[in-house]
C-alpha atoms as a PDB file:
ATOM      1  CA  MET A   1     -52.469  84.801 -26.872  1.00  0.00           C
ATOM      2  CA  ILE A   2     -52.770  84.341 -23.123  1.00  0.00           C
ATOM      3  CA  LEU A   3     -51.284  80.838 -23.285  1.00  0.00           C
ATOM      4  CA  VAL A   4     -48.371  82.073 -25.387  1.00  0.00           C
ATOM      5  CA  ALA A   5     -47.710  84.917 -22.925  1.00  0.00           C
ATOM      6  CA  ALA A   6     -47.888  82.559 -19.955  1.00  0.00           C
ATOM      7  CA  GLY A   7     -45.539  80.106 -21.635  1.00  0.00           C
ATOM      8  CA  THR A   8     -43.061  82.878 -22.400  1.00  0.00           C
ATOM      9  CA  ILE A   9     -43.130  84.080 -18.812  1.00  0.00           C
ATOM     10  CA  GLY A  10     -42.637  80.530 -17.542  1.00  0.00           C
ATOM     11  CA  SER A  11     -39.552  80.122 -19.725  1.00  0.00           C
ATOM     12  CA  VAL A  12     -38.094  83.442 -18.567  1.00  0.00           C
ATOM     13  CA  VAL A  13     -38.763  82.511 -14.935  1.00  0.00           C
ATOM     14  CA  LYS A  14     -36.815  79.278 -15.339  1.00  0.00           C
ATOM     15  CA  VAL A  15     -33.844  81.176 -16.751  1.00  0.00           C
ATOM     16  CA  VAL A  16     -33.995  83.869 -14.065  1.00  0.00           C
ATOM     17  CA  GLY A  17     -34.344  81.191 -11.401  1.00  0.00           C
ATOM     18  CA  LEU A  18     -31.240  79.417 -12.619  1.00  0.00           C
ATOM     19  CA  MET A  19     -29.346  82.711 -12.688  1.00  0.00           C
ATOM     20  CA  THR A  20     -30.372  83.680  -9.159  1.00  0.00           C
ATOM     21  CA  ASN A  21     -29.500  80.209  -7.823  1.00  0.00           C
ATOM     22  CA  PRO A  22     -31.656  80.608  -4.693  1.00  0.00           C
ATOM     23  CA  GLU A  23     -30.210  79.239  -1.482  1.00  0.00           C
ATOM     24  CA  PRO A  24     -32.388  77.772   1.288  1.00  0.00           C
ATOM     25  CA  MET A  25     -31.767  80.561   3.770  1.00  0.00           C
ATOM     26  CA  GLY A  26     -29.940  83.046   1.542  1.00  0.00           C
ATOM     27  CA  GLY A  27     -31.006  86.087  -0.455  1.00  0.00           C
ATOM     28  CA  GLY A  28     -32.042  84.287  -3.669  1.00  0.00           C
ATOM     29  CA  PHE A  29     -35.739  84.873  -3.022  1.00  0.00           C
ATOM     30  CA  THR A  30     -35.444  88.476  -1.863  1.00  0.00           C
ATOM     31  CA  ARG A  31     -32.908  89.706  -4.430  1.00  0.00           C
ATOM     32  CA  GLY A  32     -33.733  87.475  -7.381  1.00  0.00           C
ATOM     33  CA  VAL A  33     -37.135  85.785  -7.323  1.00  0.00           C
ATOM     34  CA  LEU A  34     -39.204  88.466  -5.607  1.00  0.00           C
ATOM     35  CA  PRO A  35     -38.207  91.369  -7.921  1.00  0.00           C
ATOM     36  CA  PHE A  36     -39.096  89.269 -10.948  1.00  0.00           C
ATOM     37  CA  LEU A  37     -42.493  88.320  -9.516  1.00  0.00           C
ATOM     38  CA  ARG A  38     -43.131  91.998  -8.822  1.00  0.00           C
ATOM     39  CA  TRP A  39     -42.319  92.738 -12.470  1.00  0.00           C
ATOM     40  CA  VAL A  40     -44.866  90.130 -13.541  1.00  0.00           C
ATOM     41  CA  ARG A  41     -47.443  91.735 -11.206  1.00  0.00           C
ATOM     42  CA  ILE A  42     -46.882  95.115 -12.881  1.00  0.00           C
ATOM     43  CA  TRP A  43     -47.351  93.469 -16.270  1.00  0.00           C
ATOM     44  CA  GLU A  44     -50.555  91.796 -15.074  1.00  0.00           C
ATOM     45  CA  LYS A  45     -52.074  95.125 -14.039  1.00  0.00           C
ATOM     46  CA  ARG A  46     -52.052  96.153 -17.705  1.00  0.00           C
ATOM     47  CA  LEU A  47     -54.236  93.240 -18.730  1.00  0.00           C
ATOM     48  CA  PRO A  48     -58.020  93.561 -19.227  1.00  0.00           C
ATOM     49  CA  ARG A  49     -59.952  93.546 -15.958  1.00  0.00           C
ATOM     50  CA  PRO A  50     -61.688  90.151 -16.506  1.00  0.00           C
ATOM     51  CA  MET A  51     -58.258  88.512 -16.360  1.00  0.00           C
ATOM     52  CA  LEU A  52     -57.607  90.058 -12.950  1.00  0.00           C
ATOM     53  CA  ARG A  53     -60.619  88.571 -11.213  1.00  0.00           C
ATOM     54  CA  PHE A  54     -58.637  85.713  -9.717  1.00  0.00           C
ATOM     55  CA  GLY A  55     -55.725  85.890  -7.314  1.00  0.00           C
ATOM     56  CA  LEU A  56     -53.597  83.212  -5.687  1.00  0.00           C
ATOM     57  CA  GLU A  57     -52.227  83.183  -2.162  1.00  0.00           C
ATOM     58  CA  LEU A  58     -49.092  81.047  -2.258  1.00  0.00           C
ATOM     59  CA  GLU A  59     -46.522  79.901   0.257  1.00  0.00           C
ATOM     60  CA  CYS A  60     -42.975  79.317  -1.024  1.00  0.00           C
ATOM     61  CA  TRP A  61     -40.013  77.642   0.614  1.00  0.00           C
ATOM     62  CA  PRO A  62     -36.659  76.271  -0.592  1.00  0.00           C
ATOM     63  CA  ALA A  63     -36.839  72.811  -2.132  1.00  0.00           C
ATOM     64  CA  SER A  64     -33.761  71.690  -0.207  1.00  0.00           C
ATOM     65  CA  LEU A  65     -35.702  71.975   3.060  1.00  0.00           C
ATOM     66  CA  SER A  66     -38.472  69.774   1.695  1.00  0.00           C
ATOM     67  CA  ASP A  67     -35.975  67.269   0.271  1.00  0.00           C
ATOM     68  CA  ALA A  68     -34.333  67.002   3.682  1.00  0.00           C
ATOM     69  CA  GLN A  69     -37.699  65.852   5.034  1.00  0.00           C
ATOM     70  CA  GLY A  70     -38.193  63.082   2.513  1.00  0.00           C
ATOM     71  CA  GLY A  71     -38.997  65.141  -0.578  1.00  0.00           C
ATOM     72  CA  CYS A  72     -42.577  65.824   0.487  1.00  0.00           C
ATOM     73  CA  PRO A  73     -43.551  69.459  -0.243  1.00  0.00           C
ATOM     74  CA  GLY A  74     -46.509  69.249   2.121  1.00  0.00           C
ATOM     75  CA  LEU A  75     -44.412  68.159   5.101  1.00  0.00           C
ATOM     76  CA  ARG A  76     -43.458  71.556   6.509  1.00  0.00           C
ATOM     77  CA  SER A  77     -43.603  71.102  10.265  1.00  0.00           C
ATOM     78  CA  GLY A  78     -39.822  71.424  10.546  1.00  0.00           C
ATOM     79  CA  ILE A  79     -39.529  74.421   8.213  1.00  0.00           C
ATOM     80  CA  SER A  80     -39.251  77.687  10.128  1.00  0.00           C
ATOM     81  CA  THR A  81     -41.507  80.648   9.384  1.00  0.00           C
ATOM     82  CA  SER A  82     -38.476  82.698   8.342  1.00  0.00           C
ATOM     83  CA  ALA A  83     -37.780  80.185   5.559  1.00  0.00           C
ATOM     84  CA  ARG A  84     -41.363  80.289   4.283  1.00  0.00           C
ATOM     85  CA  ARG A  85     -42.607  83.238   2.250  1.00  0.00           C
ATOM     86  CA  ARG A  86     -46.280  84.022   1.663  1.00  0.00           C
ATOM     87  CA  ARG A  87     -47.136  85.935  -1.484  1.00  0.00           C
ATOM     88  CA  CYS A  88     -50.436  87.000  -3.015  1.00  0.00           C
ATOM     89  CA  LEU A  89     -50.166  86.969  -6.809  1.00  0.00           C
ATOM     90  CA  GLY A  90     -52.290  87.194  -9.903  1.00  0.00           C
ATOM     91  CA  PRO A  91     -52.976  84.082 -11.982  1.00  0.00           C
ATOM     92  CA  ILE A  92     -50.011  84.469 -14.350  1.00  0.00           C
ATOM     93  CA  ALA A  93     -47.540  85.442 -11.629  1.00  0.00           C
ATOM     94  CA  GLY A  94     -48.800  82.481  -9.622  1.00  0.00           C
ATOM     95  CA  VAL A  95     -48.063  80.095 -12.488  1.00  0.00           C
ATOM     96  CA  ALA A  96     -44.651  81.738 -12.889  1.00  0.00           C
ATOM     97  CA  ALA A  97     -43.901  81.221  -9.191  1.00  0.00           C
ATOM     98  CA  ALA A  98     -44.759  77.537  -9.500  1.00  0.00           C
ATOM     99  CA  ALA A  99     -42.166  77.207 -12.266  1.00  0.00           C
ATOM    100  CA  LEU A 100     -39.295  78.556 -10.156  1.00  0.00           C
ATOM    101  CA  PRO A 101     -36.486  76.020  -9.856  1.00  0.00           C
ATOM    102  CA  GLY A 102     -35.205  75.349  -6.375  1.00  0.00           C
ATOM    103  CA  TRP A 103     -38.464  76.325  -4.658  1.00  0.00           C
ATOM    104  CA  ARG A 104     -41.585  74.519  -3.509  1.00  0.00           C
ATOM    105  CA  VAL A 105     -44.954  76.241  -3.844  1.00  0.00           C
ATOM    106  CA  ARG A 106     -48.147  75.458  -1.950  1.00  0.00           C
ATOM    107  CA  LEU A 107     -51.506  76.975  -2.895  1.00  0.00           C
ATOM    108  CA  LEU A 108     -53.206  78.347   0.221  1.00  0.00           C
ATOM    109  CA  ARG A 109     -56.290  80.076  -1.166  1.00  0.00           C
ATOM    110  CA  VAL A 110     -57.830  81.434  -4.327  1.00  0.00           C
ATOM    111  CA  GLY A 111     -59.579  84.780  -4.070  1.00  0.00           C
ATOM    112  CA  ARG A 112     -60.069  87.864  -6.177  1.00  0.00           C
ATOM    113  CA  LEU A 113     -57.918  90.867  -7.018  1.00  0.00           C
ATOM    114  CA  ASP A 114     -59.489  94.299  -6.514  1.00  0.00           C
ATOM    115  CA  SER A 115     -59.114  97.301  -8.838  1.00  0.00           C
ATOM    116  CA  ARG A 116     -55.573  97.891  -7.530  1.00  0.00           C
ATOM    117  CA  ALA A 117     -54.609  94.229  -7.982  1.00  0.00           C
ATOM    118  CA  ARG A 118     -54.657  93.613  -4.230  1.00  0.00           C
ATOM    119  CA  PHE A 119     -55.638  90.156  -2.980  1.00  0.00           C
ATOM    120  CA  ARG A 120     -59.005  89.740  -1.282  1.00  0.00           C
ATOM    121  CA  PRO A 121     -59.363  86.216   0.139  1.00  0.00           C
ATOM    122  CA  GLY A 122     -62.450  84.072   0.123  1.00  0.00           C
ATOM    123  CA  PHE A 123     -64.492  85.709  -2.644  1.00  0.00           C
ATOM    124  CA  VAL A 124     -63.947  82.979  -5.203  1.00  0.00           C
ATOM    125  CA  TRP A 125     -62.761  79.877  -3.394  1.00  0.00           C
ATOM    126  CA  GLY A 126     -60.879  79.014  -0.245  1.00  0.00           C
ATOM    127  CA  SER A 127     -61.211  78.012   3.365  1.00  0.00           C
ATOM    128  CA  ALA A 128     -62.605  81.436   4.228  1.00  0.00           C
ATOM    129  CA  ASN A 129     -65.564  81.036   1.867  1.00  0.00           C
ATOM    130  CA  ARG A 130     -67.116  77.712   2.851  1.00  0.00           C
ATOM    131  CA  PRO A 131     -70.904  78.094   2.747  1.00  0.00           C
ATOM    132  CA  LEU A 132     -72.876  77.002   5.785  1.00  0.00           C
ATOM    133  CA  ASN A 133     -76.342  76.541   4.344  1.00  0.00           C
ATOM    134  CA  GLY A 134     -77.902  76.394   0.913  1.00  0.00           C
ATOM    135  CA  GLY A 135     -74.655  77.206  -0.866  1.00  0.00           C
ATOM    136  CA  ASN A 136     -74.640  80.794   0.404  1.00  0.00           C
ATOM    137  CA  VAL A 137     -72.153  82.377   2.780  1.00  0.00           C
ATOM    138  CA  ILE A 138     -74.086  83.344   5.888  1.00  0.00           C
ATOM    139  CA  ASP A 139     -73.846  86.421   8.043  1.00  0.00           C
ATOM    140  CA  LEU A 140     -71.489  84.977  10.626  1.00  0.00           C
ATOM    141  CA  ARG A 141     -72.311  87.569  13.260  1.00  0.00           C
ATOM    142  CA  SER A 142     -76.048  86.908  13.000  1.00  0.00           C
ATOM    143  CA  ARG A 143     -75.579  83.156  13.291  1.00  0.00           C
ATOM    144  CA  LEU A 144     -73.288  83.540  16.286  1.00  0.00           C
ATOM    145  CA  ARG A 145     -75.740  85.903  17.952  1.00  0.00           C
ATOM    146  CA  GLU A 146     -78.469  83.314  17.493  1.00  0.00           C
ATOM    147  CA  THR A 147     -76.292  80.442  18.705  1.00  0.00           C
ATOM    148  CA  VAL A 148     -74.406  81.806  21.727  1.00  0.00           C
ATOM    149  CA  ARG A 149     -76.684  81.321  24.749  1.00  0.00           C
ATOM    150  CA  ASP A 150     -76.980  83.205  28.012  1.00  0.00           C
ATOM    151  CA  ILE A 151     -76.567  81.380  31.331  1.00  0.00           C
ATOM    152  CA  PRO A 152     -77.649  83.580  34.262  1.00  0.00           C
ATOM    153  CA  ASP A 153     -75.883  83.476  37.650  1.00  0.00           C
ATOM    154  CA  PHE A 154     -72.882  81.497  36.399  1.00  0.00           C
ATOM    155  CA  PRO A 155     -70.229  81.008  37.694  1.00  0.00           C
ATOM    156  CA  LYS A 156     -71.417  83.370  40.429  1.00  0.00           C
ATOM    157  CA  PRO A 157     -74.737  85.094  41.207  1.00  0.00           C
ATOM    158  CA  GLY A 158     -75.204  88.246  39.172  1.00  0.00           C
ATOM    159  CA  ILE A 159     -73.008  87.074  36.268  1.00  0.00           C
ATOM    160  CA  LEU A 160     -74.611  86.506  32.836  1.00  0.00           C
ATOM    161  CA  PHE A 161     -72.369  83.880  31.231  1.00  0.00           C
ATOM    162  CA  LYS A 162     -72.017  83.705  27.439  1.00  0.00           C
ATOM    163  CA  ASP A 163     -71.949  79.998  26.565  1.00  0.00           C
ATOM    164  CA  ILE A 164     -70.201  79.175  23.278  1.00  0.00           C
ATOM    165  CA  THR A 165     -70.641  75.405  23.453  1.00  0.00           C
ATOM    166  CA  PRO A 166     -73.593  75.514  20.985  1.00  0.00           C
ATOM    167  CA  VAL A 167     -71.150  77.032  18.485  1.00  0.00           C
ATOM    168  CA  LEU A 168     -68.874  74.040  18.988  1.00  0.00           C
ATOM    169  CA  ALA A 169     -71.827  71.730  18.354  1.00  0.00           C
ATOM    170  CA  ASP A 170     -72.279  73.224  14.870  1.00  0.00           C
ATOM    171  CA  PRO A 171     -69.260  72.085  12.772  1.00  0.00           C
ATOM    172  CA  LYS A 172     -69.977  74.469   9.898  1.00  0.00           C
ATOM    173  CA  LEU A 173     -70.355  77.453  12.201  1.00  0.00           C
ATOM    174  CA  LEU A 174     -67.187  76.506  14.075  1.00  0.00           C
ATOM    175  CA  ARG A 175     -65.340  76.182  10.755  1.00  0.00           C
ATOM    176  CA  ALA A 176     -66.578  79.611   9.645  1.00  0.00           C
ATOM    177  CA  THR A 177     -65.471  81.150  12.952  1.00  0.00           C
ATOM    178  CA  ILE A 178     -61.935  79.806  12.607  1.00  0.00           C
ATOM    179  CA  ASP A 179     -61.815  80.923   8.977  1.00  0.00           C
ATOM    180  CA  TRP A 180     -62.909  84.453   9.955  1.00  0.00           C
ATOM    181  CA  PHE A 181     -59.822  84.754  12.150  1.00  0.00           C
ATOM    182  CA  ALA A 182     -57.560  83.073   9.594  1.00  0.00           C
ATOM    183  CA  GLN A 183     -58.590  85.587   6.921  1.00  0.00           C
ATOM    184  CA  ARG A 184     -57.566  88.528   9.043  1.00  0.00           C
ATOM    185  CA  TYR A 185     -54.170  87.237  10.074  1.00  0.00           C
ATOM    186  CA  ALA A 186     -53.120  85.325   6.945  1.00  0.00           C
ATOM    187  CA  GLY A 187     -50.610  87.993   5.948  1.00  0.00           C
ATOM    188  CA  GLU A 188     -49.201  88.719   9.407  1.00  0.00           C
ATOM    189  CA  HIS A 189     -46.660  85.831   9.406  1.00  0.00           C
ATOM    190  CA  ILE A 190     -47.741  84.643  12.847  1.00  0.00           C
ATOM    191  CA  ASP A 191     -45.171  82.359  14.509  1.00  0.00           C
ATOM    192  CA  VAL A 192     -47.126  81.358  17.627  1.00  0.00           C
ATOM    193  CA  VAL A 193     -50.811  81.380  18.548  1.00  0.00           C
ATOM    194  CA  VAL A 194     -51.369  81.546  22.306  1.00  0.00           C
ATOM    195  CA  GLY A 195     -54.681  80.317  23.717  1.00  0.00           C
ATOM    196  CA  MET A 196     -55.839  80.786  27.304  1.00  0.00           C
ATOM    197  CA  GLU A 197     -57.269  77.982  29.400  1.00  0.00           C
ATOM    198  CA  SER A 198     -59.552  76.618  28.547  1.00  0.00           C
ATOM    199  CA  ARG A 199     -61.779  77.784  25.717  1.00  0.00           C
ATOM    200  CA  GLY A 200     -58.882  79.610  24.114  1.00  0.00           C
ATOM    201  CA  PHE A 201     -57.449  76.161  23.367  1.00  0.00           C
ATOM    202  CA  ILE A 202     -60.525  75.273  21.326  1.00  0.00           C
ATOM    203  CA  PHE A 203     -60.145  78.196  18.932  1.00  0.00           C
ATOM    204  CA  GLY A 204     -56.393  78.697  19.190  1.00  0.00           C
ATOM    205  CA  ALA A 205     -55.178  75.260  18.095  1.00  0.00           C
ATOM    206  CA  PRO A 206     -57.144  75.032  14.805  1.00  0.00           C
ATOM    207  CA  LEU A 207     -56.327  78.670  14.041  1.00  0.00           C
ATOM    208  CA  ALA A 208     -52.630  77.907  14.520  1.00  0.00           C
ATOM    209  CA  MET A 209     -52.949  75.070  12.003  1.00  0.00           C
ATOM    210  CA  GLU A 210     -54.614  77.408   9.493  1.00  0.00           C
ATOM    211  CA  LEU A 211     -51.807  79.957   9.912  1.00  0.00           C
ATOM    212  CA  SER A 212     -49.027  77.329   9.813  1.00  0.00           C
ATOM    213  CA  ALA A 213     -48.008  78.516  13.267  1.00  0.00           C
ATOM    214  CA  ALA A 214     -47.161  76.873  16.572  1.00  0.00           C
ATOM    215  CA  PHE A 215     -49.681  76.748  19.400  1.00  0.00           C
ATOM    216  CA  ALA A 216     -48.784  77.583  23.007  1.00  0.00           C
ATOM    217  CA  PRO A 217     -51.203  77.228  25.946  1.00  0.00           C
ATOM    218  CA  ALA A 218     -51.493  79.701  28.795  1.00  0.00           C
ATOM    219  CA  ARG A 219     -52.622  77.478  31.687  1.00  0.00           C
ATOM    220  CA  LYS A 220     -53.886  77.723  35.226  1.00  0.00           C
ATOM    221  CA  PRO A 221     -51.386  77.107  38.069  1.00  0.00           C
ATOM    222  CA  GLY A 222     -50.341  73.506  38.619  1.00  0.00           C
ATOM    223  CA  LYS A 223     -51.036  72.328  35.059  1.00  0.00           C
ATOM    224  CA  LEU A 224     -47.657  72.815  33.368  1.00  0.00           C
ATOM    225  CA  PRO A 225     -44.931  70.197  33.995  1.00  0.00           C
ATOM    226  CA  TYR A 226     -41.915  72.189  32.795  1.00  0.00           C
ATOM    227  CA  GLN A 227     -40.298  75.420  33.991  1.00  0.00           C
ATOM    228  CA  HIS A 228     -42.762  78.280  33.691  1.00  0.00           C
ATOM    229  CA  ILE A 229     -43.515  81.901  34.508  1.00  0.00           C
ATOM    230  CA  THR A 230     -46.649  83.184  36.256  1.00  0.00           C
ATOM    231  CA  GLU A 231     -48.838  86.269  35.866  1.00  0.00           C
ATOM    232  CA  SER A 232     -51.747  87.163  38.177  1.00  0.00           C
ATOM    233  CA  TYR A 233     -54.803  89.165  37.134  1.00  0.00           C
ATOM    234  CA  ASP A 234     -58.284  90.264  38.247  1.00  0.00           C
ATOM    235  CA  LEU A 235     -61.488  88.816  36.825  1.00  0.00           C
ATOM    236  CA  GLU A 236     -64.909  90.430  36.750  1.00  0.00           C
ATOM    237  CA  TYR A 237     -65.854  87.951  39.485  1.00  0.00           C
ATOM    238  CA  GLY A 238     -62.562  87.304  41.332  1.00  0.00           C
ATOM    239  CA  SER A 239     -58.839  86.864  40.722  1.00  0.00           C
ATOM    240  CA  ALA A 240     -56.668  84.194  39.101  1.00  0.00           C
ATOM    241  CA  SER A 241     -53.254  83.426  37.591  1.00  0.00           C
ATOM    242  CA  LEU A 242     -51.930  82.080  34.294  1.00  0.00           C
ATOM    243  CA  GLN A 243     -48.656  80.335  33.498  1.00  0.00           C
ATOM    244  CA  MET A 244     -46.645  79.577  30.368  1.00  0.00           C
ATOM    245  CA  HIS A 245     -43.600  77.401  29.756  1.00  0.00           C
ATOM    246  CA  ILE A 246     -40.387  79.377  29.483  1.00  0.00           C
ATOM    247  CA  ASP A 247     -39.804  77.986  25.977  1.00  0.00           C
ATOM    248  CA  ALA A 248     -43.367  78.480  24.695  1.00  0.00           C
ATOM    249  CA  VAL A 249     -42.366  81.669  22.867  1.00  0.00           C
ATOM    250  CA  ARG A 250     -38.899  82.559  21.643  1.00  0.00           C
ATOM    251  CA  PRO A 251     -37.617  86.159  21.567  1.00  0.00           C
ATOM    252  CA  GLY A 252     -38.699  87.981  18.429  1.00  0.00           C
ATOM    253  CA  GLN A 253     -41.473  85.588  17.449  1.00  0.00           C
ATOM    254  CA  LYS A 254     -44.747  87.126  16.284  1.00  0.00           C
ATOM    255  CA  VAL A 255     -47.558  86.100  18.607  1.00  0.00           C
ATOM    256  CA  LEU A 256     -51.352  86.175  18.307  1.00  0.00           C
ATOM    257  CA  VAL A 257     -53.452  85.790  21.477  1.00  0.00           C
ATOM    258  CA  VAL A 258     -56.814  84.012  21.109  1.00  0.00           C
ATOM    259  CA  ASP A 259     -59.749  83.444  23.446  1.00  0.00           C
ATOM    260  CA  ASP A 260     -63.481  82.906  23.220  1.00  0.00           C
ATOM    261  CA  LEU A 261     -64.525  86.062  25.060  1.00  0.00           C
ATOM    262  CA  LEU A 262     -63.216  89.510  25.992  1.00  0.00           C
ATOM    263  CA  ALA A 263     -64.811  90.890  29.165  1.00  0.00           C
ATOM    264  CA  THR A 264     -62.776  93.162  31.449  1.00  0.00           C
ATOM    265  CA  GLY A 265     -59.588  92.199  29.629  1.00  0.00           C
ATOM    266  CA  GLY A 266     -57.786  90.833  32.675  1.00  0.00           C
ATOM    267  CA  THR A 267     -57.127  87.365  31.241  1.00  0.00           C
ATOM    268  CA  ALA A 268     -55.960  88.714  27.906  1.00  0.00           C
ATOM    269  CA  LYS A 269     -53.729  91.323  29.548  1.00  0.00           C
ATOM    270  CA  ALA A 270     -52.085  88.709  31.760  1.00  0.00           C
ATOM    271  CA  THR A 271     -51.433  86.496  28.730  1.00  0.00           C
ATOM    272  CA  CYS A 272     -49.947  89.423  26.826  1.00  0.00           C
ATOM    273  CA  GLN A 273     -47.684  90.165  29.790  1.00  0.00           C
ATOM    274  CA  LEU A 274     -46.483  86.555  29.753  1.00  0.00           C
ATOM    275  CA  VAL A 275     -45.710  86.807  26.041  1.00  0.00           C
ATOM    276  CA  LYS A 276     -43.794  90.057  26.546  1.00  0.00           C
ATOM    277  CA  ARG A 277     -41.779  88.568  29.393  1.00  0.00           C
ATOM    278  CA  LEU A 278     -40.784  85.710  27.088  1.00  0.00           C
ATOM    279  CA  GLY A 279     -39.641  88.191  24.444  1.00  0.00           C
ATOM    280  CA  GLY A 280     -42.475  87.668  21.962  1.00  0.00           C
ATOM    281  CA  GLU A 281     -43.754  90.373  19.617  1.00  0.00           C
ATOM    282  CA  LEU A 282     -47.510  90.798  20.053  1.00  0.00           C
ATOM    283  CA  VAL A 283     -49.407  91.163  16.784  1.00  0.00           C
ATOM    284  CA  GLY A 284     -52.855  91.376  18.357  1.00  0.00           C
ATOM    285  CA  CYS A 285     -55.680  89.635  20.211  1.00  0.00           C
ATOM    286  CA  CYS A 286     -58.786  88.046  18.731  1.00  0.00           C
ATOM    287  CA  PHE A 287     -62.024  86.914  20.354  1.00  0.00           C
ATOM    288  CA  VAL A 288     -65.241  85.282  19.247  1.00  0.00           C
ATOM    289  CA  VAL A 289     -67.360  87.409  21.616  1.00  0.00           C
ATOM    290  CA  GLU A 290     -66.659  90.810  23.159  1.00  0.00           C
ATOM    291  CA  LEU A 291     -68.657  92.388  25.994  1.00  0.00           C
ATOM    292  CA  GLY A 292     -68.339  95.954  24.809  1.00  0.00           C
ATOM    293  CA  PHE A 293     -69.981  97.488  27.880  1.00  0.00           C
ATOM    294  CA  LEU A 294     -67.067  96.253  30.031  1.00  0.00           C
ATOM    295  CA  ASP A 295     -64.553  98.056  27.782  1.00  0.00           C
ATOM    296  CA  GLY A 296     -61.921  95.325  28.050  1.00  0.00           C
ATOM    297  CA  ARG A 297     -59.914  96.819  25.174  1.00  0.00           C
ATOM    298  CA  LYS A 298     -58.622  99.516  27.498  1.00  0.00           C
ATOM    299  CA  ALA A 299     -56.760  96.914  29.517  1.00  0.00           C
ATOM    300  CA  LEU A 300     -54.818  95.878  26.408  1.00  0.00           C
ATOM    301  CA  ASP A 301     -53.062  99.251  26.072  1.00  0.00           C
ATOM    302  CA  GLY A 302     -53.877  99.897  22.431  1.00  0.00           C
ATOM    303  CA  LEU A 303     -53.021  96.422  21.171  1.00  0.00           C
ATOM    304  CA  PRO A 304     -55.004  95.622  17.976  1.00  0.00           C
ATOM    305  CA  VAL A 305     -58.148  93.651  18.846  1.00  0.00           C
ATOM    306  CA  GLN A 306     -60.446  91.680  16.529  1.00  0.00           C
ATOM    307  CA  SER A 307     -63.784  90.319  17.730  1.00  0.00           C
ATOM    308  CA  ILE A 308     -66.551  88.807  15.634  1.00  0.00           C
ATOM    309  CA  LEU A 309     -69.545  89.503  17.863  1.00  0.00           C
ATOM    310  CA  THR A 310     -70.015  92.374  20.312  1.00  0.00           C
ATOM    311  CA  PHE A 311     -72.704  92.605  22.987  1.00  0.00           C
END
């Protein structure tokens, strides 16, 4: 019965797809494909609960864009975020989406659907659910708390430095840390991930790859070769400046700021100011470690903040 229903839906999708005649940058997806997929989702909600355990997170883009790059659906570096559409669908709607003519579909993750048929990543399979030990997903916060080490009187006397290099030495823990961030921003359609020098580069670049976004560095003075803008800020143990290329972020792009640690918030605030000056739209900031007693969130003026571990 299920196979017959799925086959029927696939046939209808092909017909509807041909009728909508989706264009690469036109309204075929929004006015033709998307309403039909929503109809399939409504139909799925009426199925018995066991059939709703699995959900698919898909990314769709016009086939003509892939064909222009040699016909390889996986080669998407030149396809803009506006041309790519992420959708979280049930199993039948996911199969229907894959049958759409004129579109390429890439499976991002498999998760579960909750009681309201909403996608919850990482519960069944996916990058966000890679076990670290013994086949069980660990408590990431506990492992990070055990792994991050304290270095007293660094870089100045009286400063207790949180060293994250042991996290980098554990590939599974590093993978889980990146996946934790990727889970939370998968549906935000991030265009650019900005990482601050230097540990922000370590977490920002792989996160950008997971989100299919660009990566832009915010660097110390004298490091950038092209035209740039500068923002100064105060540290908990001094003052400094950050710079970004003038073309690192384009006006209207959605930007996520990433660093290893949030202390007083000066570095993050300066980076956010750089992004705003370039015309970017800030989605939020994320950190591996947050020193809660320094209340660095206040410096970010209400911008959404995600941190895995708080001291």
